[in-house]
């Protein structure tokens, strides 16, 4: 069950959840759009976006104490950092989104999609 948020947003059941729903897409706590990468495999234990790719689409980082929250889970990246996933897909931001609400990364290289609930 989603808990009501502010300004038409909905948080995922806990203030600790890494994302909220805004205008039908997932955004981080700062309101920046979140993305999925078509080359990632659902429920895999790894992200396929590393190196230069991760510089353009930074992973949505999970802290050391982060734990599963409903459909959000944590995977460990090849460099040892932890990343949030949603329904098995790793979540990313786009470096080209300059302000909250931007969706510039959607469709980038025909491989990136806005993360949706």
PDB file of N, CA and C in Angstrom:
ATOM      1  N   UNK A   1       0.841  -1.182   0.000  1.00  0.00           N
ATOM      2  CA  UNK A   1       0.000   0.000   0.000  1.00  0.00           C
ATOM      3  C   UNK A   1       0.880   1.236   0.000  1.00  0.00           C
ATOM      4  N   UNK A   2       0.592   2.179  -0.830  1.00  0.00           N
ATOM      5  CA  UNK A   2       1.384   3.392  -0.910  1.00  0.00           C
ATOM      6  C   UNK A   2       0.893   4.401   0.101  1.00  0.00           C
ATOM      7  N   UNK A   3       1.818   5.034   0.756  1.00  0.00           N
ATOM      8  CA  UNK A   3       1.464   6.104   1.675  1.00  0.00           C
ATOM      9  C   UNK A   3       1.425   7.404   0.903  1.00  0.00           C
ATOM     10  N   UNK A   4       0.461   8.233   1.199  1.00  0.00           N
ATOM     11  CA  UNK A   4       0.337   9.503   0.474  1.00  0.00           C
ATOM     12  C   UNK A   4       1.526  10.391   0.764  1.00  0.00           C
ATOM     13  N   UNK A   5       1.992  11.082  -0.248  1.00  0.00           N
ATOM     14  CA  UNK A   5       3.099  12.009  -0.100  1.00  0.00           C
ATOM     15  C   UNK A   5       2.610  13.432  -0.311  1.00  0.00           C
ATOM     16  N   UNK A   6       3.509  14.314  -0.596  1.00  0.00           N
ATOM     17  CA  UNK A   6       3.171  15.710  -0.810  1.00  0.00           C
ATOM     18  C   UNK A   6       3.030  16.006  -2.286  1.00  0.00           C
ATOM     19  N   UNK A   7       2.284  17.001  -2.619  1.00  0.00           N
ATOM     20  CA  UNK A   7       2.149  17.509  -3.992  1.00  0.00           C
ATOM     21  C   UNK A   7       1.859  16.416  -5.015  1.00  0.00           C
ATOM     22  N   UNK A   8       0.971  15.503  -4.657  1.00  0.00           N
ATOM     23  CA  UNK A   8       0.559  14.482  -5.612  1.00  0.00           C
ATOM     24  C   UNK A   8       1.532  13.332  -5.774  1.00  0.00           C
ATOM     25  N   UNK A   9       2.489  13.206  -4.887  1.00  0.00           N
ATOM     26  CA  UNK A   9       3.453  12.119  -4.949  1.00  0.00           C
ATOM     27  C   UNK A   9       3.009  11.016  -4.002  1.00  0.00           C
ATOM     28  N   UNK A  10       3.541   9.832  -4.200  1.00  0.00           N
ATOM     29  CA  UNK A  10       3.273   8.731  -3.284  1.00  0.00           C
ATOM     30  C   UNK A  10       4.592   8.053  -2.934  1.00  0.00           C
ATOM     31  N   UNK A  11       4.843   7.879  -1.655  1.00  0.00           N
ATOM     32  CA  UNK A  11       6.041   7.180  -1.200  1.00  0.00           C
ATOM     33  C   UNK A  11       5.715   5.716  -1.071  1.00  0.00           C
ATOM     34  N   UNK A  12       6.679   4.865  -1.227  1.00  0.00           N
ATOM     35  CA  UNK A  12       6.484   3.430  -1.135  1.00  0.00           C
ATOM     36  C   UNK A  12       6.538   2.965   0.309  1.00  0.00           C
ATOM     37  N   UNK A  13       5.453   3.160   1.047  1.00  0.00           N
ATOM     38  CA  UNK A  13       5.266   2.555   2.346  1.00  0.00           C
ATOM     39  C   UNK A  13       6.243   2.915   3.453  1.00  0.00           C
ATOM     40  N   UNK A  14       7.334   3.573   3.180  1.00  0.00           N
ATOM     41  CA  UNK A  14       8.333   3.865   4.193  1.00  0.00           C
ATOM     42  C   UNK A  14       9.095   5.121   3.806  1.00  0.00           C
ATOM     43  N   UNK A  15       9.414   5.918   4.814  1.00  0.00           N
ATOM     44  CA  UNK A  15      10.215   7.119   4.558  1.00  0.00           C
ATOM     45  C   UNK A  15      11.613   6.744   4.078  1.00  0.00           C
ATOM     46  N   UNK A  16      12.018   5.482   4.298  1.00  0.00           N
ATOM     47  CA  UNK A  16      13.341   5.024   3.879  1.00  0.00           C
ATOM     48  C   UNK A  16      13.365   4.543   2.435  1.00  0.00           C
ATOM     49  N   UNK A  17      12.210   4.475   1.776  1.00  0.00           N
ATOM     50  CA  UNK A  17      12.165   3.995   0.402  1.00  0.00           C
ATOM     51  C   UNK A  17      13.014   4.923  -0.483  1.00  0.00           C
ATOM     52  N   UNK A  18      13.707   4.350  -1.454  1.00  0.00           N
ATOM     53  CA  UNK A  18      14.618   5.144  -2.283  1.00  0.00           C
ATOM     54  C   UNK A  18      13.927   5.966  -3.369  1.00  0.00           C
ATOM     55  N   UNK A  19      12.625   5.788  -3.573  1.00  0.00           N
ATOM     56  CA  UNK A  19      11.952   6.478  -4.673  1.00  0.00           C
ATOM     57  C   UNK A  19      10.495   6.744  -4.324  1.00  0.00           C
ATOM     58  N   UNK A  20       9.915   7.638  -5.104  1.00  0.00           N
ATOM     59  CA  UNK A  20       8.494   7.923  -4.999  1.00  0.00           C
ATOM     60  C   UNK A  20       7.925   7.974  -6.408  1.00  0.00           C
ATOM     61  N   UNK A  21       6.607   7.912  -6.506  1.00  0.00           N
ATOM     62  CA  UNK A  21       5.942   8.005  -7.803  1.00  0.00           C
ATOM     63  C   UNK A  21       5.530   9.454  -8.009  1.00  0.00           C
ATOM     64  N   UNK A  22       5.882   9.988  -9.166  1.00  0.00           N
ATOM     65  CA  UNK A  22       5.504  11.355  -9.520  1.00  0.00           C
ATOM     66  C   UNK A  22       5.167  11.357 -11.007  1.00  0.00           C
ATOM     67  N   UNK A  23       3.942  11.742 -11.338  1.00  0.00           N
ATOM     68  CA  UNK A  23       3.494  11.795 -12.733  1.00  0.00           C
ATOM     69  C   UNK A  23       3.710  10.457 -13.452  1.00  0.00           C
ATOM     70  N   UNK A  24       3.471   9.357 -12.738  1.00  0.00           N
ATOM     71  CA  UNK A  24       3.540   8.036 -13.356  1.00  0.00           C
ATOM     72  C   UNK A  24       4.930   7.459 -13.538  1.00  0.00           C
ATOM     73  N   UNK A  25       5.936   8.100 -12.952  1.00  0.00           N
ATOM     74  CA  UNK A  25       7.298   7.579 -13.060  1.00  0.00           C
ATOM     75  C   UNK A  25       7.941   7.606 -11.678  1.00  0.00           C
ATOM     76  N   UNK A  26       9.035   6.864 -11.529  1.00  0.00           N
ATOM     77  CA  UNK A  26       9.776   6.881 -10.273  1.00  0.00           C
ATOM     78  C   UNK A  26      10.778   8.019 -10.277  1.00  0.00           C
ATOM     79  N   UNK A  27      10.865   8.685  -9.137  1.00  0.00           N
ATOM     80  CA  UNK A  27      11.854   9.747  -8.942  1.00  0.00           C
ATOM     81  C   UNK A  27      12.547   9.504  -7.607  1.00  0.00           C
ATOM     82  N   UNK A  28      13.771  10.028  -7.483  1.00  0.00           N
ATOM     83  CA  UNK A  28      14.480   9.889  -6.215  1.00  0.00           C
ATOM     84  C   UNK A  28      13.973  10.930  -5.225  1.00  0.00           C
ATOM     85  N   UNK A  29      14.558  10.955  -4.043  1.00  0.00           N
ATOM     86  CA  UNK A  29      14.107  11.859  -2.983  1.00  0.00           C
ATOM     87  C   UNK A  29      14.226  13.329  -3.371  1.00  0.00           C
ATOM     88  N   UNK A  30      15.115  13.658  -4.299  1.00  0.00           N
ATOM     89  CA  UNK A  30      15.285  15.042  -4.756  1.00  0.00           C
ATOM     90  C   UNK A  30      14.372  15.376  -5.932  1.00  0.00           C
ATOM     91  N   UNK A  31      13.590  14.400  -6.404  1.00  0.00           N
ATOM     92  CA  UNK A  31      12.668  14.634  -7.522  1.00  0.00           C
ATOM     93  C   UNK A  31      13.251  14.369  -8.890  1.00  0.00           C
ATOM     94  N   UNK A  32      14.477  13.827  -8.965  1.00  0.00           N
ATOM     95  CA  UNK A  32      15.090  13.516 -10.252  1.00  0.00           C
ATOM     96  C   UNK A  32      14.562  12.185 -10.773  1.00  0.00           C
ATOM     97  N   UNK A  33      14.312  12.142 -12.074  1.00  0.00           N
ATOM     98  CA  UNK A  33      13.790  10.931 -12.711  1.00  0.00           C
ATOM     99  C   UNK A  33      14.762   9.774 -12.575  1.00  0.00           C
ATOM    100  N   UNK A  34      14.188   8.577 -12.451  1.00  0.00           N
ATOM    101  CA  UNK A  34      14.972   7.347 -12.398  1.00  0.00           C
ATOM    102  C   UNK A  34      14.729   6.553 -13.667  1.00  0.00           C
ATOM    103  N   UNK A  35      15.751   5.797 -14.072  1.00  0.00           N
ATOM    104  CA  UNK A  35      15.740   5.083 -15.344  1.00  0.00           C
ATOM    105  C   UNK A  35      16.128   3.622 -15.166  1.00  0.00           C
ATOM    106  N   UNK A  36      15.725   2.807 -16.144  1.00  0.00           N
ATOM    107  CA  UNK A  36      16.191   1.424 -16.257  1.00  0.00           C
ATOM    108  C   UNK A  36      16.919   1.289 -17.594  1.00  0.00           C
ATOM    109  N   UNK A  37      17.797   0.298 -17.659  1.00  0.00           N
ATOM    110  CA  UNK A  37      18.660   0.058 -18.810  1.00  0.00           C
ATOM    111  C   UNK A  37      18.229  -1.251 -19.462  1.00  0.00           C
ATOM    112  N   UNK A  38      17.902  -1.224 -20.748  1.00  0.00           N
ATOM    113  CA  UNK A  38      17.402  -2.416 -21.445  1.00  0.00           C
ATOM    114  C   UNK A  38      18.389  -3.585 -21.433  1.00  0.00           C
ATOM    115  N   UNK A  39      19.675  -3.315 -21.270  1.00  0.00           N
ATOM    116  CA  UNK A  39      20.657  -4.407 -21.282  1.00  0.00           C
ATOM    117  C   UNK A  39      20.778  -5.113 -19.925  1.00  0.00           C
ATOM    118  N   UNK A  40      20.212  -4.513 -18.884  1.00  0.00           N
ATOM    119  CA  UNK A  40      20.188  -5.191 -17.587  1.00  0.00           C
ATOM    120  C   UNK A  40      19.141  -6.291 -17.630  1.00  0.00           C
ATOM    121  N   UNK A  41      19.444  -7.385 -16.967  1.00  0.00           N
ATOM    122  CA  UNK A  41      18.504  -8.494 -16.893  1.00  0.00           C
ATOM    123  C   UNK A  41      17.780  -8.435 -15.554  1.00  0.00           C
ATOM    124  N   UNK A  42      16.461  -8.563 -15.599  1.00  0.00           N
ATOM    125  CA  UNK A  42      15.671  -8.539 -14.372  1.00  0.00           C
ATOM    126  C   UNK A  42      16.124  -9.649 -13.445  1.00  0.00           C
ATOM    127  N   UNK A  43      16.232  -9.312 -12.178  1.00  0.00           N
ATOM    128  CA  UNK A  43      16.591 -10.219 -11.095  1.00  0.00           C
ATOM    129  C   UNK A  43      18.009 -10.761 -11.205  1.00  0.00           C
ATOM    130  N   UNK A  44      18.826 -10.150 -12.045  1.00  0.00           N
ATOM    131  CA  UNK A  44      20.239 -10.518 -12.108  1.00  0.00           C
ATOM    132  C   UNK A  44      20.929  -9.966 -10.864  1.00  0.00           C
ATOM    133  N   UNK A  45      22.084 -10.466 -10.570  1.00  0.00           N
ATOM    134  CA  UNK A  45      22.835  -9.960  -9.420  1.00  0.00           C
ATOM    135  C   UNK A  45      23.864  -8.916  -9.840  1.00  0.00           C
ATOM    136  N   UNK A  46      23.787  -8.436 -11.091  1.00  0.00           N
ATOM    137  CA  UNK A  46      24.769  -7.473 -11.575  1.00  0.00           C
ATOM    138  C   UNK A  46      24.133  -6.431 -12.477  1.00  0.00           C
ATOM    139  N   UNK A  47      24.784  -5.291 -12.542  1.00  0.00           N
ATOM    140  CA  UNK A  47      24.395  -4.221 -13.451  1.00  0.00           C
ATOM    141  C   UNK A  47      25.313  -4.278 -14.660  1.00  0.00           C
ATOM    142  N   UNK A  48      24.776  -4.053 -15.834  1.00  0.00           N
ATOM    143  CA  UNK A  48      25.601  -4.033 -17.048  1.00  0.00           C
ATOM    144  C   UNK A  48      26.055  -2.625 -17.413  1.00  0.00           C
ATOM    145  N   UNK A  49      25.668  -1.645 -16.635  1.00  0.00           N
ATOM    146  CA  UNK A  49      26.084  -0.261 -16.883  1.00  0.00           C
ATOM    147  C   UNK A  49      27.234   0.063 -15.930  1.00  0.00           C
ATOM    148  N   UNK A  50      28.449   0.027 -16.470  1.00  0.00           N
ATOM    149  CA  UNK A  50      29.651   0.304 -15.679  1.00  0.00           C
ATOM    150  C   UNK A  50      30.525   1.295 -16.438  1.00  0.00           C
ATOM    151  N   UNK A  51      31.581   1.743 -15.815  1.00  0.00           N
ATOM    152  CA  UNK A  51      32.541   2.628 -16.470  1.00  0.00           C
ATOM    153  C   UNK A  51      31.907   3.902 -16.997  1.00  0.00           C
ATOM    154  N   UNK A  52      32.154   4.191 -18.290  1.00  0.00           N
ATOM    155  CA  UNK A  52      31.633   5.404 -18.916  1.00  0.00           C
ATOM    156  C   UNK A  52      30.104   5.442 -18.874  1.00  0.00           C
ATOM    157  N   UNK A  53      29.478   4.295 -19.032  1.00  0.00           N
ATOM    158  CA  UNK A  53      28.015   4.213 -18.963  1.00  0.00           C
ATOM    159  C   UNK A  53      27.525   4.714 -17.600  1.00  0.00           C
ATOM    160  N   UNK A  54      28.181   4.270 -16.526  1.00  0.00           N
ATOM    161  CA  UNK A  54      27.771   4.669 -15.178  1.00  0.00           C
ATOM    162  C   UNK A  54      28.078   6.136 -14.888  1.00  0.00           C
ATOM    163  N   UNK A  55      29.005   6.723 -15.640  1.00  0.00           N
ATOM    164  CA  UNK A  55      29.255   8.153 -15.495  1.00  0.00           C
ATOM    165  C   UNK A  55      28.092   8.950 -16.092  1.00  0.00           C
ATOM    166  N   UNK A  56      27.537   8.469 -17.201  1.00  0.00           N
ATOM    167  CA  UNK A  56      26.384   9.132 -17.839  1.00  0.00           C
ATOM    168  C   UNK A  56      25.086   8.837 -17.103  1.00  0.00           C
ATOM    169  N   UNK A  57      24.948   7.605 -16.628  1.00  0.00           N
ATOM    170  CA  UNK A  57      23.756   7.162 -15.903  1.00  0.00           C
ATOM    171  C   UNK A  57      24.199   6.630 -14.537  1.00  0.00           C
ATOM    172  N   UNK A  58      24.422   7.543 -13.587  1.00  0.00           N
ATOM    173  CA  UNK A  58      24.895   7.100 -12.272  1.00  0.00           C
ATOM    174  C   UNK A  58      23.877   6.187 -11.582  1.00  0.00           C
ATOM    175  N   UNK A  59      24.371   5.110 -10.981  1.00  0.00           N
ATOM    176  CA  UNK A  59      23.482   4.201 -10.253  1.00  0.00           C
ATOM    177  C   UNK A  59      22.819   4.909  -9.071  1.00  0.00           C
ATOM    178  N   UNK A  60      21.609   4.513  -8.750  1.00  0.00           N
ATOM    179  CA  UNK A  60      20.944   5.012  -7.549  1.00  0.00           C
ATOM    180  C   UNK A  60      21.553   4.246  -6.376  1.00  0.00           C
ATOM    181  N   UNK A  61      22.428   4.918  -5.649  1.00  0.00           N
ATOM    182  CA  UNK A  61      23.213   4.282  -4.596  1.00  0.00           C
ATOM    183  C   UNK A  61      22.350   3.897  -3.401  1.00  0.00           C
ATOM    184  N   UNK A  62      22.691   2.765  -2.821  1.00  0.00           N
ATOM    185  CA  UNK A  62      22.060   2.286  -1.590  1.00  0.00           C
ATOM    186  C   UNK A  62      23.127   2.293  -0.498  1.00  0.00           C
ATOM    187  N   UNK A  63      22.778   2.797   0.654  1.00  0.00           N
ATOM    188  CA  UNK A  63      23.712   2.854   1.766  1.00  0.00           C
ATOM    189  C   UNK A  63      24.023   1.479   2.335  1.00  0.00           C
ATOM    190  N   UNK A  64      25.014   1.430   3.192  1.00  0.00           N
ATOM    191  CA  UNK A  64      25.456   0.169   3.787  1.00  0.00           C
ATOM    192  C   UNK A  64      24.352  -0.506   4.590  1.00  0.00           C
ATOM    193  N   UNK A  65      23.463   0.278   5.172  1.00  0.00           N
ATOM    194  CA  UNK A  65      22.390  -0.289   6.003  1.00  0.00           C
ATOM    195  C   UNK A  65      21.094  -0.515   5.217  1.00  0.00           C
ATOM    196  N   UNK A  66      21.100  -0.228   3.925  1.00  0.00           N
ATOM    197  CA  UNK A  66      19.877  -0.361   3.118  1.00  0.00           C
ATOM    198  C   UNK A  66      19.411  -1.812   3.083  1.00  0.00           C
ATOM    199  N   UNK A  67      18.103  -1.983   3.220  1.00  0.00           N
ATOM    200  CA  UNK A  67      17.490  -3.311   3.191  1.00  0.00           C
ATOM    201  C   UNK A  67      16.300  -3.283   2.257  1.00  0.00           C
ATOM    202  N   UNK A  68      15.865  -4.457   1.868  1.00  0.00           N
ATOM    203  CA  UNK A  68      14.705  -4.595   0.992  1.00  0.00           C
ATOM    204  C   UNK A  68      13.498  -3.848   1.570  1.00  0.00           C
ATOM    205  N   UNK A  69      12.831  -3.101   0.694  1.00  0.00           N
ATOM    206  CA  UNK A  69      11.593  -2.403   1.034  1.00  0.00           C
ATOM    207  C   UNK A  69      10.609  -2.719  -0.081  1.00  0.00           C
ATOM    208  N   UNK A  70       9.700  -3.629   0.167  1.00  0.00           N
ATOM    209  CA  UNK A  70       8.717  -4.066  -0.814  1.00  0.00           C
ATOM    210  C   UNK A  70       9.391  -4.461  -2.119  1.00  0.00           C
ATOM    211  N   UNK A  71       9.155  -3.729  -3.220  1.00  0.00           N
ATOM    212  CA  UNK A  71       9.718  -4.080  -4.529  1.00  0.00           C
ATOM    213  C   UNK A  71      11.132  -3.539  -4.746  1.00  0.00           C
ATOM    214  N   UNK A  72      11.663  -2.828  -3.764  1.00  0.00           N
ATOM    215  CA  UNK A  72      13.024  -2.292  -3.852  1.00  0.00           C
ATOM    216  C   UNK A  72      13.986  -3.245  -3.155  1.00  0.00           C
ATOM    217  N   UNK A  73      15.038  -3.609  -3.867  1.00  0.00           N
ATOM    218  CA  UNK A  73      16.087  -4.465  -3.312  1.00  0.00           C
ATOM    219  C   UNK A  73      17.433  -3.836  -3.623  1.00  0.00           C
ATOM    220  N   UNK A  74      18.471  -4.421  -3.098  1.00  0.00           N
ATOM    221  CA  UNK A  74      19.818  -3.889  -3.276  1.00  0.00           C
ATOM    222  C   UNK A  74      20.700  -4.936  -3.947  1.00  0.00           C
ATOM    223  N   UNK A  75      21.483  -4.510  -4.924  1.00  0.00           N
ATOM    224  CA  UNK A  75      22.494  -5.391  -5.510  1.00  0.00           C
ATOM    225  C   UNK A  75      23.860  -4.767  -5.285  1.00  0.00           C
ATOM    226  N   UNK A  76      24.870  -5.606  -5.311  1.00  0.00           N
ATOM    227  CA  UNK A  76      26.241  -5.132  -5.170  1.00  0.00           C
ATOM    228  C   UNK A  76      26.866  -5.057  -6.558  1.00  0.00           C
ATOM    229  N   UNK A  77      27.369  -3.868  -6.883  1.00  0.00           N
ATOM    230  CA  UNK A  77      27.970  -3.631  -8.197  1.00  0.00           C
ATOM    231  C   UNK A  77      29.386  -4.211  -8.250  1.00  0.00           C
ATOM    232  N   UNK A  78      29.946  -4.360  -9.457  1.00  0.00           N
ATOM    233  CA  UNK A  78      31.296  -4.922  -9.593  1.00  0.00           C
ATOM    234  C   UNK A  78      32.357  -4.170  -8.782  1.00  0.00           C
ATOM    235  N   UNK A  79      32.150  -2.860  -8.562  1.00  0.00           N
ATOM    236  CA  UNK A  79      33.129  -2.082  -7.795  1.00  0.00           C
ATOM    237  C   UNK A  79      32.876  -2.144  -6.287  1.00  0.00           C
ATOM    238  N   UNK A  80      31.877  -2.925  -5.857  1.00  0.00           N
ATOM    239  CA  UNK A  80      31.584  -3.085  -4.441  1.00  0.00           C
ATOM    240  C   UNK A  80      30.539  -2.136  -3.890  1.00  0.00           C
ATOM    241  N   UNK A  81      30.166  -1.104  -4.659  1.00  0.00           N
ATOM    242  CA  UNK A  81      29.113  -0.205  -4.191  1.00  0.00           C
ATOM    243  C   UNK A  81      27.759  -0.910  -4.317  1.00  0.00           C
ATOM    244  N   UNK A  82      26.780  -0.379  -3.618  1.00  0.00           N
ATOM    245  CA  UNK A  82      25.453  -0.980  -3.614  1.00  0.00           C
ATOM    246  C   UNK A  82      24.483  -0.088  -4.374  1.00  0.00           C
ATOM    247  N   UNK A  83      23.558  -0.713  -5.092  1.00  0.00           N
ATOM    248  CA  UNK A  83      22.626  -0.009  -5.962  1.00  0.00           C
ATOM    249  C   UNK A  83      21.211  -0.522  -5.719  1.00  0.00           C
ATOM    250  N   UNK A  84      20.259   0.420  -5.728  1.00  0.00           N
ATOM    251  CA  UNK A  84      18.846   0.044  -5.603  1.00  0.00           C
ATOM    252  C   UNK A  84      18.334  -0.546  -6.902  1.00  0.00           C
ATOM    253  N   UNK A  85      17.446  -1.524  -6.763  1.00  0.00           N
ATOM    254  CA  UNK A  85      16.704  -2.071  -7.899  1.00  0.00           C
ATOM    255  C   UNK A  85      15.216  -1.929  -7.593  1.00  0.00           C
ATOM    256  N   UNK A  86      14.410  -1.941  -8.637  1.00  0.00           N
ATOM    257  CA  UNK A  86      12.952  -1.925  -8.484  1.00  0.00           C
ATOM    258  C   UNK A  86      12.397  -3.043  -9.349  1.00  0.00           C
ATOM    259  N   UNK A  87      11.677  -3.946  -8.717  1.00  0.00           N
ATOM    260  CA  UNK A  87      11.127  -5.121  -9.404  1.00  0.00           C
ATOM    261  C   UNK A  87      12.210  -5.827 -10.212  1.00  0.00           C
ATOM    262  N   UNK A  88      13.392  -5.916  -9.613  1.00  0.00           N
ATOM    263  CA  UNK A  88      14.490  -6.661 -10.203  1.00  0.00           C
ATOM    264  C   UNK A  88      15.382  -5.903 -11.164  1.00  0.00           C
ATOM    265  N   UNK A  89      15.037  -4.667 -11.515  1.00  0.00           N
ATOM    266  CA  UNK A  89      15.856  -3.902 -12.457  1.00  0.00           C
ATOM    267  C   UNK A  89      16.630  -2.796 -11.736  1.00  0.00           C
ATOM    268  N   UNK A  90      17.950  -2.703 -11.979  1.00  0.00           N
ATOM    269  CA  UNK A  90      18.733  -1.631 -11.372  1.00  0.00           C
ATOM    270  C   UNK A  90      18.203  -0.249 -11.775  1.00  0.00           C
ATOM    271  N   UNK A  91      18.296   0.691 -10.835  1.00  0.00           N
ATOM    272  CA  UNK A  91      17.827   2.057 -11.057  1.00  0.00           C
ATOM    273  C   UNK A  91      19.001   3.018 -11.206  1.00  0.00           C
ATOM    274  N   UNK A  92      18.820   3.996 -12.101  1.00  0.00           N
ATOM    275  CA  UNK A  92      19.856   4.972 -12.417  1.00  0.00           C
ATOM    276  C   UNK A  92      19.248   6.367 -12.525  1.00  0.00           C
ATOM    277  N   UNK A  93      20.097   7.387 -12.365  1.00  0.00           N
ATOM    278  CA  UNK A  93      19.744   8.758 -12.737  1.00  0.00           C
ATOM    279  C   UNK A  93      20.469   9.058 -14.050  1.00  0.00           C
ATOM    280  N   UNK A  94      20.123  10.186 -14.673  1.00  0.00           N
ATOM    281  CA  UNK A  94      20.813  10.589 -15.896  1.00  0.00           C
ATOM    282  C   UNK A  94      21.557  11.881 -15.631  1.00  0.00           C
ATOM    283  N   UNK A  95      22.856  11.905 -15.930  1.00  0.00           N
ATOM    284  CA  UNK A  95      23.689  13.083 -15.682  1.00  0.00           C
ATOM    285  C   UNK A  95      23.200  14.298 -16.455  1.00  0.00           C
ATOM    286  N   UNK A  96      22.480  14.094 -17.557  1.00  0.00           N
ATOM    287  CA  UNK A  96      21.986  15.206 -18.362  1.00  0.00           C
ATOM    288  C   UNK A  96      20.694  15.822 -17.864  1.00  0.00           C
ATOM    289  N   UNK A  97      20.078  15.236 -16.848  1.00  0.00           N
ATOM    290  CA  UNK A  97      18.884  15.849 -16.253  1.00  0.00           C
ATOM    291  C   UNK A  97      19.357  16.956 -15.322  1.00  0.00           C
ATOM    292  N   UNK A  98      19.108  18.194 -15.707  1.00  0.00           N
ATOM    293  CA  UNK A  98      19.629  19.332 -14.961  1.00  0.00           C
ATOM    294  C   UNK A  98      18.832  19.744 -13.750  1.00  0.00           C
ATOM    295  N   UNK A  99      17.561  19.374 -13.704  1.00  0.00           N
ATOM    296  CA  UNK A  99      16.739  19.774 -12.554  1.00  0.00           C
ATOM    297  C   UNK A  99      15.668  18.714 -12.307  1.00  0.00           C
ATOM    298  N   UNK A 100      15.108  18.700 -11.114  1.00  0.00           N
ATOM    299  CA  UNK A 100      14.059  17.732 -10.811  1.00  0.00           C
ATOM    300  C   UNK A 100      12.940  17.787 -11.850  1.00  0.00           C
ATOM    301  N   UNK A 101      12.449  16.625 -12.221  1.00  0.00           N
ATOM    302  CA  UNK A 101      11.369  16.539 -13.198  1.00  0.00           C
ATOM    303  C   UNK A 101      11.837  16.361 -14.632  1.00  0.00           C
ATOM    304  N   UNK A 102      13.106  16.659 -14.932  1.00  0.00           N
ATOM    305  CA  UNK A 102      13.616  16.449 -16.286  1.00  0.00           C
ATOM    306  C   UNK A 102      13.559  14.964 -16.643  1.00  0.00           C
ATOM    307  N   UNK A 103      13.351  14.672 -17.925  1.00  0.00           N
ATOM    308  CA  UNK A 103      13.300  13.287 -18.408  1.00  0.00           C
ATOM    309  C   UNK A 103      14.146  13.131 -19.672  1.00  0.00           C
ATOM    310  N   UNK A 104      15.250  13.871 -19.743  1.00  0.00           N
ATOM    311  CA  UNK A 104      16.097  13.911 -20.929  1.00  0.00           C
ATOM    312  C   UNK A 104      16.656  12.532 -21.285  1.00  0.00           C
ATOM    313  N   UNK A 105      16.911  11.682 -20.300  1.00  0.00           N
ATOM    314  CA  UNK A 105      17.507  10.380 -20.564  1.00  0.00           C
ATOM    315  C   UNK A 105      16.560   9.347 -21.148  1.00  0.00           C
ATOM    316  N   UNK A 106      15.258   9.631 -21.142  1.00  0.00           N
ATOM    317  CA  UNK A 106      14.290   8.660 -21.635  1.00  0.00           C
ATOM    318  C   UNK A 106      14.520   8.400 -23.126  1.00  0.00           C
ATOM    319  N   UNK A 107      14.752   7.145 -23.482  1.00  0.00           N
ATOM    320  CA  UNK A 107      14.972   6.763 -24.873  1.00  0.00           C
ATOM    321  C   UNK A 107      16.402   6.924 -25.345  1.00  0.00           C
ATOM    322  N   UNK A 108      17.314   7.378 -24.480  1.00  0.00           N
ATOM    323  CA  UNK A 108      18.700   7.586 -24.876  1.00  0.00           C
ATOM    324  C   UNK A 108      19.267   6.297 -25.479  1.00  0.00           C
ATOM    325  N   UNK A 109      19.804   6.393 -26.693  1.00  0.00           N
ATOM    326  CA  UNK A 109      20.373   5.249 -27.384  1.00  0.00           C
ATOM    327  C   UNK A 109      19.380   4.120 -27.607  1.00  0.00           C
ATOM    328  N   UNK A 110      18.115   4.423 -27.465  1.00  0.00           N
ATOM    329  CA  UNK A 110      17.036   3.435 -27.533  1.00  0.00           C
ATOM    330  C   UNK A 110      17.263   2.281 -26.544  1.00  0.00           C
ATOM    331  N   UNK A 111      17.950   2.602 -25.406  1.00  0.00           N
ATOM    332  CA  UNK A 111      18.247   1.594 -24.388  1.00  0.00           C
ATOM    333  C   UNK A 111      17.790   1.994 -22.988  1.00  0.00           C
ATOM    334  N   UNK A 112      17.430   3.252 -22.807  1.00  0.00           N
ATOM    335  CA  UNK A 112      17.093   3.763 -21.478  1.00  0.00           C
ATOM    336  C   UNK A 112      15.611   4.132 -21.427  1.00  0.00           C
ATOM    337  N   UNK A 113      14.979   3.754 -20.326  1.00  0.00           N
ATOM    338  CA  UNK A 113      13.544   4.006 -20.140  1.00  0.00           C
ATOM    339  C   UNK A 113      13.303   4.631 -18.771  1.00  0.00           C
ATOM    340  N   UNK A 114      12.313   5.502 -18.701  1.00  0.00           N
ATOM    341  CA  UNK A 114      11.889   5.992 -17.392  1.00  0.00           C
ATOM    342  C   UNK A 114      11.416   4.806 -16.563  1.00  0.00           C
ATOM    343  N   UNK A 115      11.818   4.761 -15.314  1.00  0.00           N
ATOM    344  CA  UNK A 115      11.353   3.695 -14.412  1.00  0.00           C
ATOM    345  C   UNK A 115       9.918   4.013 -14.018  1.00  0.00           C
ATOM    346  N   UNK A 116       9.059   3.042 -14.153  1.00  0.00           N
ATOM    347  CA  UNK A 116       7.639   3.223 -13.830  1.00  0.00           C
ATOM    348  C   UNK A 116       7.195   2.181 -12.830  1.00  0.00           C
ATOM    349  N   UNK A 117       6.229   2.563 -11.977  1.00  0.00           N
ATOM    350  CA  UNK A 117       5.753   1.594 -10.971  1.00  0.00           C
ATOM    351  C   UNK A 117       4.974   0.454 -11.604  1.00  0.00           C
TER     352      UNK A 117
END
